[in-house]
Protein backbone atom coordinates (compact mmCIF):
# COMPACT_ATOMS: atom_id res chain seq x y z
CA MET A 1 101.10 66.01 108.65
CA PRO A 2 100.85 67.19 112.21
CA GLU A 3 97.41 66.77 113.74
CA PRO A 4 96.33 70.46 113.71
CA VAL A 5 97.30 70.89 110.05
CA SER A 6 95.54 67.76 108.82
CA GLY A 7 92.15 69.35 109.57
CA LEU A 8 92.90 72.59 107.67
CA LEU A 9 91.04 73.25 104.42
CA ILE A 10 91.85 76.37 102.39
CA ARG A 11 89.35 77.32 99.68
CA PRO A 12 90.47 79.94 97.14
CA GLU A 13 88.01 81.93 95.04
CA VAL A 14 88.45 83.87 91.80
CA ARG A 15 85.44 85.75 90.57
CA TRP A 16 84.76 87.88 87.48
CA ASP A 17 81.64 90.01 87.23
CA HIS A 18 80.52 91.73 84.04
CA ALA A 19 77.58 94.05 83.45
CA PHE A 20 75.96 93.30 80.10
CA THR A 21 74.11 96.62 80.13
CA ASN A 22 75.23 100.08 79.05
CA ASN A 23 75.86 101.25 82.61
CA ARG A 24 79.16 100.91 84.49
CA PRO A 25 78.37 99.70 88.02
CA PHE A 26 81.92 98.85 89.17
CA ILE A 27 84.88 100.93 90.39
CA ALA A 28 82.94 104.14 91.03
CA GLN A 29 80.96 103.89 87.78
CA ARG A 30 84.08 103.73 85.58
CA ASP A 31 84.06 100.07 84.51
CA ASN A 32 81.68 97.25 83.59
CA ASN A 33 84.07 94.49 84.78
CA ALA A 34 85.21 93.54 88.27
CA PHE A 35 87.64 90.88 89.47
CA THR A 36 87.64 89.58 93.02
CA LEU A 37 90.24 87.33 94.65
CA GLY A 38 89.48 85.76 97.99
CA ALA A 39 90.04 82.78 100.20
CA ASP A 40 88.69 81.23 103.34
CA ALA A 41 89.89 78.55 105.69
CA VAL A 42 88.11 75.81 107.61
CA LEU A 43 89.79 74.18 110.58
CA THR A 44 88.13 71.03 111.86
CA PHE A 45 88.91 69.69 115.31
C-alpha cells in the first residue's frame, strides 16, 4: 500500500440499545429500541 494509506485504521461500530423498563426513551418516546451505526478513522504518521 502507499505510505499514507498504510497508517489508516477504520473502526466501524454497530450498537443496539434496549430499555428493559415500561417507558419508551428512544425516538421521541415512541420506541424502547435504538440502533446506531457509526465509524471513526485513525491516521498515524
